[in-house]
Protein backbone atom coordinates (compact mmCIF):
# COMPACT_ATOMS: atom_id res chain seq x y z
CA UNK A 1 -25.42 19.26 5.57
CA UNK A 2 -23.67 17.80 2.52
CA UNK A 3 -21.19 20.54 2.73
CA UNK A 4 -20.46 19.98 6.34
CA UNK A 5 -20.31 16.13 6.28
CA UNK A 6 -16.65 15.74 5.26
CA UNK A 7 -15.35 18.14 7.91
CA UNK A 8 -17.46 16.48 10.64
CA UNK A 9 -16.12 13.11 9.76
CA UNK A 10 -12.53 14.18 9.50
CA UNK A 11 -12.40 16.25 12.58
CA UNK A 12 -14.44 14.05 14.82
CA UNK A 13 -12.48 12.50 17.65
CA UNK A 14 -14.40 9.25 17.49
CA UNK A 15 -13.75 8.76 13.68
CA UNK A 16 -10.95 6.28 14.31
CA UNK A 17 -13.07 4.27 16.74
CA UNK A 18 -15.93 4.15 14.38
CA UNK A 19 -13.76 3.31 11.43
CA UNK A 20 -12.42 0.26 13.39
CA UNK A 21 -15.92 -0.78 14.45
CA UNK A 22 -17.10 -0.45 10.80
CA UNK A 23 -14.18 -2.58 9.61
CA UNK A 24 -15.01 -5.25 12.13
CA UNK A 25 -18.61 -5.44 10.83
CA UNK A 26 -17.41 -5.63 7.25
CA UNK A 27 -15.00 -8.47 8.11
CA UNK A 28 -17.74 -10.35 10.22
CA UNK A 29 -20.11 -9.95 7.21
CA UNK A 30 -17.63 -11.14 4.76
CA UNK A 31 -16.64 -14.23 6.91
CA UNK A 32 -20.30 -15.07 7.47
CA UNK A 33 -21.39 -14.74 3.86
CA UNK A 34 -18.32 -15.76 1.97
CA UNK A 35 -15.37 -16.85 4.15
CA UNK A 36 -11.96 -16.49 2.47
CA UNK A 37 -10.23 -18.42 5.31
CA UNK A 38 -10.75 -20.28 8.55
CA UNK A 39 -11.89 -18.16 11.60
CA UNK A 40 -8.38 -18.32 13.24
CA UNK A 41 -6.74 -17.23 10.03
CA UNK A 42 -9.31 -14.48 9.55
CA UNK A 43 -8.62 -12.98 13.01
CA UNK A 44 -4.82 -13.23 12.41
CA UNK A 45 -5.31 -11.42 9.03
CA UNK A 46 -7.30 -8.65 10.76
CA UNK A 47 -4.56 -8.35 13.44
CA UNK A 48 -1.99 -7.98 10.64
CA UNK A 49 -3.89 -5.32 8.84
CA UNK A 50 -4.32 -3.69 12.23
CA UNK A 51 -0.55 -3.52 12.70
CA UNK A 52 -0.27 -1.99 9.21
CA UNK A 53 -2.93 0.57 10.08
CA UNK A 54 -1.10 1.45 13.25
CA UNK A 55 2.20 1.84 11.48
CA UNK A 56 0.51 4.16 9.02
CA UNK A 57 -0.29 6.41 12.02
CA UNK A 58 3.34 6.12 13.33
CA UNK A 59 4.63 6.85 9.73
CA UNK A 60 2.57 10.09 9.47
CA UNK A 61 3.45 11.32 13.04
CA UNK A 62 7.23 10.64 12.35
CA UNK A 63 7.44 12.24 8.95
CA UNK A 64 4.50 14.71 9.15
CA UNK A 65 3.07 13.54 5.75
CA UNK A 66 -0.44 14.82 6.57
CA UNK A 67 -0.52 17.95 8.71
CA UNK A 68 -3.84 17.22 10.34
CA UNK A 69 -5.61 14.19 11.72
CA UNK A 70 -2.67 11.73 11.70
CA UNK A 71 -5.02 8.74 12.07
CA UNK A 72 -7.41 9.45 9.29
CA UNK A 73 -5.53 7.50 6.54
CA UNK A 74 -5.72 4.36 8.78
CA UNK A 75 -9.54 4.86 8.89
CA UNK A 76 -9.50 4.88 5.08
CA UNK A 77 -7.18 1.90 4.98
CA UNK A 78 -9.24 -0.29 7.29
CA UNK A 79 -12.49 0.52 5.42
CA UNK A 80 -10.88 -0.28 2.00
CA UNK A 81 -9.46 -3.50 3.30
CA UNK A 82 -12.90 -4.26 4.92
CA UNK A 83 -14.75 -3.91 1.52
CA UNK A 84 -12.20 -6.36 -0.12
CA UNK A 85 -13.15 -9.68 1.47
CA UNK A 86 -11.02 -11.69 -0.93
CA UNK A 87 -7.82 -10.42 0.93
CA UNK A 88 -9.14 -11.33 4.46
CA UNK A 89 -6.41 -13.86 4.94
CA UNK A 90 -2.77 -14.10 5.70
CA UNK A 91 -1.03 -14.43 2.43
CA UNK A 92 1.89 -13.07 0.47
CA UNK A 93 0.23 -9.69 -0.32
CA UNK A 94 -0.34 -8.37 3.16
CA UNK A 95 2.91 -9.82 4.39
CA UNK A 96 4.77 -8.07 1.66
CA UNK A 97 2.83 -4.80 2.56
CA UNK A 98 4.34 -5.05 6.06
CA UNK A 99 7.88 -5.39 4.54
CA UNK A 100 7.11 -2.38 2.29
CA UNK A 101 6.22 -0.33 5.35
CA UNK A 102 9.33 -1.35 7.20
CA UNK A 103 11.31 -0.45 4.14
CA UNK A 104 9.58 2.92 3.77
CA UNK A 105 10.33 3.81 7.44
CA UNK A 106 14.05 3.13 6.86
CA UNK A 107 14.67 4.98 3.61
CA UNK A 108 12.44 7.88 4.64
CA UNK A 109 14.62 8.23 7.70
CA UNK A 110 17.67 8.70 5.47
CA UNK A 111 16.39 12.11 4.29
CA UNK A 112 19.49 14.40 3.98
CA UNK A 113 21.63 12.38 6.35
CA UNK A 114 25.34 12.08 5.79
CA UNK A 115 25.56 8.30 6.82
CA UNK A 116 22.80 6.46 5.10
CA UNK A 117 24.39 3.08 4.27
CA UNK A 118 23.01 1.26 7.17
CA UNK A 119 19.51 2.52 6.76
CA UNK A 120 19.45 1.78 2.96
CA UNK A 121 21.06 -1.71 3.60
CA UNK A 122 18.13 -2.61 5.98
CA UNK A 123 15.60 -0.87 3.79
CA UNK A 124 16.52 -2.98 0.78
CA UNK A 125 16.81 -6.10 2.89
CA UNK A 126 13.08 -5.75 3.83
CA UNK A 127 12.33 -4.99 0.18
CA UNK A 128 14.21 -8.14 -0.79
CA UNK A 129 11.93 -10.18 1.55
CA UNK A 130 8.99 -8.49 -0.12
CA UNK A 131 10.34 -9.60 -3.56
CA UNK A 132 10.51 -13.04 -2.49
CA UNK A 133 6.75 -12.97 -1.49
CA UNK A 134 5.65 -11.13 -4.53
CA UNK A 135 8.57 -11.16 -7.16
CA UNK A 136 7.12 -8.52 -9.44
CA UNK A 137 7.72 -5.66 -7.06
CA UNK A 138 11.35 -5.93 -8.06
CA UNK A 139 10.35 -3.53 -10.78
CA UNK A 140 9.80 -0.80 -7.99
CA UNK A 141 13.39 -0.73 -7.00
CA UNK A 142 14.46 1.99 -9.40
CA UNK A 143 11.79 4.24 -7.92
CA UNK A 144 13.26 3.70 -4.41
CA UNK A 145 16.73 4.59 -5.65
CA UNK A 146 15.36 7.66 -7.28
CA UNK A 147 13.60 8.69 -4.02
CA UNK A 148 16.86 8.15 -2.22
CA UNK A 149 18.51 10.41 -4.70
CA UNK A 150 15.89 13.09 -4.16
CA UNK A 151 16.44 12.66 -0.33
CA UNK A 152 20.13 13.33 -0.95
CA UNK A 153 20.98 10.00 0.80
CA UNK A 154 22.12 8.05 -2.22
CA UNK A 155 25.87 7.98 -2.88
CA UNK A 156 28.13 5.24 -4.10
CA UNK A 157 28.66 3.76 -0.65
CA UNK A 158 24.93 3.63 0.23
CA UNK A 159 24.19 2.34 -3.28
CA UNK A 160 26.43 -0.57 -2.77
CA UNK A 161 25.01 -1.14 0.67
CA UNK A 162 21.41 -1.22 -0.80
CA UNK A 163 22.57 -3.90 -3.29
CA UNK A 164 24.07 -5.99 -0.60
CA UNK A 165 20.94 -5.58 1.58
CA UNK A 166 18.77 -6.73 -1.24
CA UNK A 167 21.08 -9.63 -2.13
CA UNK A 168 21.33 -11.20 1.29
CA UNK A 169 17.78 -12.56 1.54
CA UNK A 170 17.58 -13.50 -2.04
CA UNK A 171 20.97 -15.14 -1.95
CA UNK A 172 19.99 -17.12 1.20
CA UNK A 173 16.76 -18.28 -0.35
CA UNK A 174 18.48 -19.29 -3.59
CA UNK A 175 20.99 -21.29 -1.63
CA UNK A 176 18.17 -23.09 0.34
CA UNK A 177 16.25 -23.86 -2.81
CA UNK A 178 19.33 -25.25 -4.50
CA UNK A 179 20.39 -27.43 -1.52
CA UNK A 180 16.84 -28.90 -1.19
CA UNK A 181 16.61 -29.60 -4.89
CA UNK A 182 13.88 -26.95 -5.51
CA UNK A 183 15.93 -24.88 -7.96
CA UNK A 184 13.27 -24.98 -10.62
CA UNK A 185 10.78 -23.29 -8.14
CA UNK A 186 13.34 -20.52 -7.52
CA UNK A 187 13.74 -20.06 -11.28
CA UNK A 188 9.93 -19.67 -11.57
CA UNK A 189 10.07 -16.84 -9.13
CA UNK A 190 12.97 -15.20 -11.07
CA UNK A 191 11.03 -15.48 -14.28
CA UNK A 192 7.76 -14.19 -12.94
CA UNK A 193 8.57 -10.40 -13.26
CA UNK A 194 9.34 -10.90 -16.87
CA UNK A 195 6.52 -13.29 -17.90
CA UNK A 196 3.47 -11.77 -19.24
CA UNK A 197 1.98 -14.74 -21.09
CA UNK A 198 -0.12 -16.11 -18.34
CA UNK A 199 -1.29 -12.65 -17.25
CA UNK A 200 -4.54 -12.69 -19.18
CA UNK A 201 -7.75 -11.04 -18.06
CA UNK A 202 -10.78 -13.34 -17.45
CA UNK A 203 -14.29 -13.17 -16.03
CA UNK A 204 -13.25 -14.44 -12.66
CA UNK A 205 -11.14 -11.39 -12.17
CA UNK A 206 -14.02 -8.97 -12.72
CA UNK A 207 -14.51 -7.92 -9.01
CA UNK A 208 -10.74 -7.34 -8.72
CA UNK A 209 -10.75 -5.28 -11.94
CA UNK A 210 -13.69 -3.12 -10.69
CA UNK A 211 -12.14 -2.61 -7.37
CA UNK A 212 -8.80 -1.57 -9.13
CA UNK A 213 -10.60 0.80 -11.48
CA UNK A 214 -12.40 2.58 -8.59
CA UNK A 215 -9.21 2.72 -6.56
CA UNK A 216 -7.30 4.29 -9.47
CA UNK A 217 -10.02 6.98 -9.87
CA UNK A 218 -9.62 7.90 -6.09
CA UNK A 219 -5.84 7.69 -6.55
CA UNK A 220 -5.87 10.15 -9.51
CA UNK A 221 -8.22 12.70 -7.77
CA UNK A 222 -5.98 12.63 -4.61
CA UNK A 223 -2.71 12.74 -6.73
CA UNK A 224 -3.83 15.65 -8.86
CA UNK A 225 -4.83 17.69 -5.72
CA UNK A 226 -1.54 16.93 -4.05
CA UNK A 227 0.47 17.89 -7.05
CA UNK A 228 -1.43 21.02 -7.58
CA UNK A 229 -1.13 22.20 -4.06
CA UNK A 230 2.38 20.76 -3.33
CA UNK A 231 3.99 24.16 -2.87
CA UNK A 232 1.81 24.63 0.30
CA UNK A 233 3.63 21.72 1.90
CA UNK A 234 7.00 21.81 3.61
CA UNK A 235 9.78 20.76 1.39
CA UNK A 236 10.42 17.49 3.06
CA UNK A 237 6.79 16.48 3.25
CA UNK A 238 6.27 17.48 -0.47
CA UNK A 239 9.15 15.23 -1.48
CA UNK A 240 7.60 12.35 0.48
CA UNK A 241 4.11 12.84 -1.04
CA UNK A 242 5.48 13.07 -4.64
CA UNK A 243 7.39 9.81 -4.10
CA UNK A 244 4.25 8.08 -2.69
CA UNK A 245 2.26 9.35 -5.82
CA UNK A 246 5.11 8.02 -8.20
CA UNK A 247 5.45 4.64 -6.51
CA UNK A 248 1.61 4.17 -6.18
CA UNK A 249 1.19 4.89 -9.86
CA UNK A 250 3.90 2.35 -10.64
CA UNK A 251 2.03 -0.18 -8.47
CA UNK A 252 -1.12 0.44 -10.54
CA UNK A 253 0.84 -0.06 -13.71
CA UNK A 254 2.17 -3.39 -12.42
CA UNK A 255 -1.48 -4.42 -11.62
CA UNK A 256 -2.64 -3.58 -15.19
CA UNK A 257 0.27 -5.36 -16.66
CA UNK A 258 0.11 -8.38 -14.40
CA UNK A 259 -3.63 -8.69 -13.63
CA UNK A 260 -3.27 -12.09 -12.04
CA UNK A 261 -1.30 -10.33 -9.34
CA UNK A 262 -4.00 -7.87 -8.55
CA UNK A 263 -4.97 -9.40 -5.16
CA UNK A 264 -1.33 -9.77 -4.28
CA UNK A 265 -0.59 -6.14 -4.93
CA UNK A 266 -3.86 -4.75 -3.56
CA UNK A 267 -2.58 -4.20 0.10
CA UNK A 268 0.25 -2.11 -1.40
CA UNK A 269 -2.10 -0.11 -3.48
CA UNK A 270 -4.48 0.42 -0.51
CA UNK A 271 -1.63 1.82 1.54
CA UNK A 272 -0.70 4.50 -1.05
CA UNK A 273 -4.39 5.47 -1.79
CA UNK A 274 -5.20 5.59 1.91
CA UNK A 275 -2.41 8.12 2.65
CA UNK A 276 -3.04 10.21 -0.46
CA UNK A 277 -6.96 10.30 -0.02
CA UNK A 278 -6.42 10.90 3.76
CA UNK A 279 -4.19 13.90 2.72
CA UNK A 280 -6.88 15.09 0.34
CA UNK A 281 -9.78 14.78 2.77
CA UNK A 282 -8.07 16.45 5.61
CA UNK A 283 -6.86 19.46 3.72
CA UNK A 284 -9.84 20.27 1.52
CA UNK A 285 -13.21 21.88 2.44
CA UNK A 286 -14.82 22.79 -0.89
CA UNK A 287 -18.17 21.68 -2.12
CA UNK A 288 -16.53 19.48 -4.71
CA UNK A 289 -14.26 17.84 -2.25
CA UNK A 290 -17.29 17.00 -0.13
CA UNK A 291 -19.10 15.48 -2.83
CA UNK A 292 -16.08 13.32 -3.76
CA UNK A 293 -15.72 12.25 -0.23
CA UNK A 294 -19.38 11.26 0.01
CA UNK A 295 -19.29 9.47 -3.32
CA UNK A 296 -16.23 7.54 -2.40
CA UNK A 297 -17.86 6.34 0.84
CA UNK A 298 -21.08 5.35 -0.94
CA UNK A 299 -19.17 3.46 -3.64
CA UNK A 300 -17.54 1.32 -0.97
CA UNK A 301 -20.95 -0.38 -0.52
CA UNK A 302 -21.44 -1.80 -4.08
CA UNK A 303 -17.62 -2.62 -4.20
CA UNK A 304 -18.14 -4.77 -1.07
CA UNK A 305 -21.18 -6.49 -2.55
CA UNK A 306 -19.40 -7.18 -5.93
CA UNK A 307 -16.37 -8.64 -4.15
CA UNK A 308 -18.61 -10.75 -1.99
CA UNK A 309 -20.83 -12.30 -4.60
CA UNK A 310 -19.24 -12.11 -8.07
């Protein structure tokens, strides 16, 4: 039975429906026992995560990242969000995750196209908005440029377009802050990505650290499997997956370096882990993969309790 469990879950047509219902129960339990926001804001946050989950399905169908069960990564994402009640509100982290997905759609679409300036301009414009929400993701920009280079969509013209796209929201925000005598607040945002002094671990962050550690283990298992079997993928899907591994690893590094930003970066990490673990779960059928699958699901229970009460 253990050996068949993973395949039953992955291939079942009702998995997405069950995943949504399970996530609703987790959110209801989180709101009842330890509300992170008002009821209206909680419902709004769930809708926002639902949009992100839907966009993950569209992303997979558009770029064929996972060959089977295009919706399974959304099931994983909704459950992972559900067991993290401290992010059950509308805040900079999930808004930034939405900007991240919009950016990904655009620069993924530039794959091997001749004219990519417009796509990269708008991709970096969304990334710039994300940087205003969570400034430390500015460190991820070189990884996007490298991805575009691998996509053969980066040239001098598109590189300049990307800089312009990123500069417009930041420039508009800087102008507004200057004209409204809030320049010091803007400088605080500018300094945030290079300030490590206040990023010290404390006991209040223990639930976030435990969650982060468990997510990193799942990420490493999924990433190692993807890299080891990358030659079985089509060239385009392989490049997309390797980029997601790279940028997800960079996100984890930022979370370790800036632990006070763990909750703000968590939705971004959940997107990468969901896609990679979804890829792992749908394309493996060994006894080991079934055990890993079951252990990951079981571990979500204590993680939910820890995040709820600690």
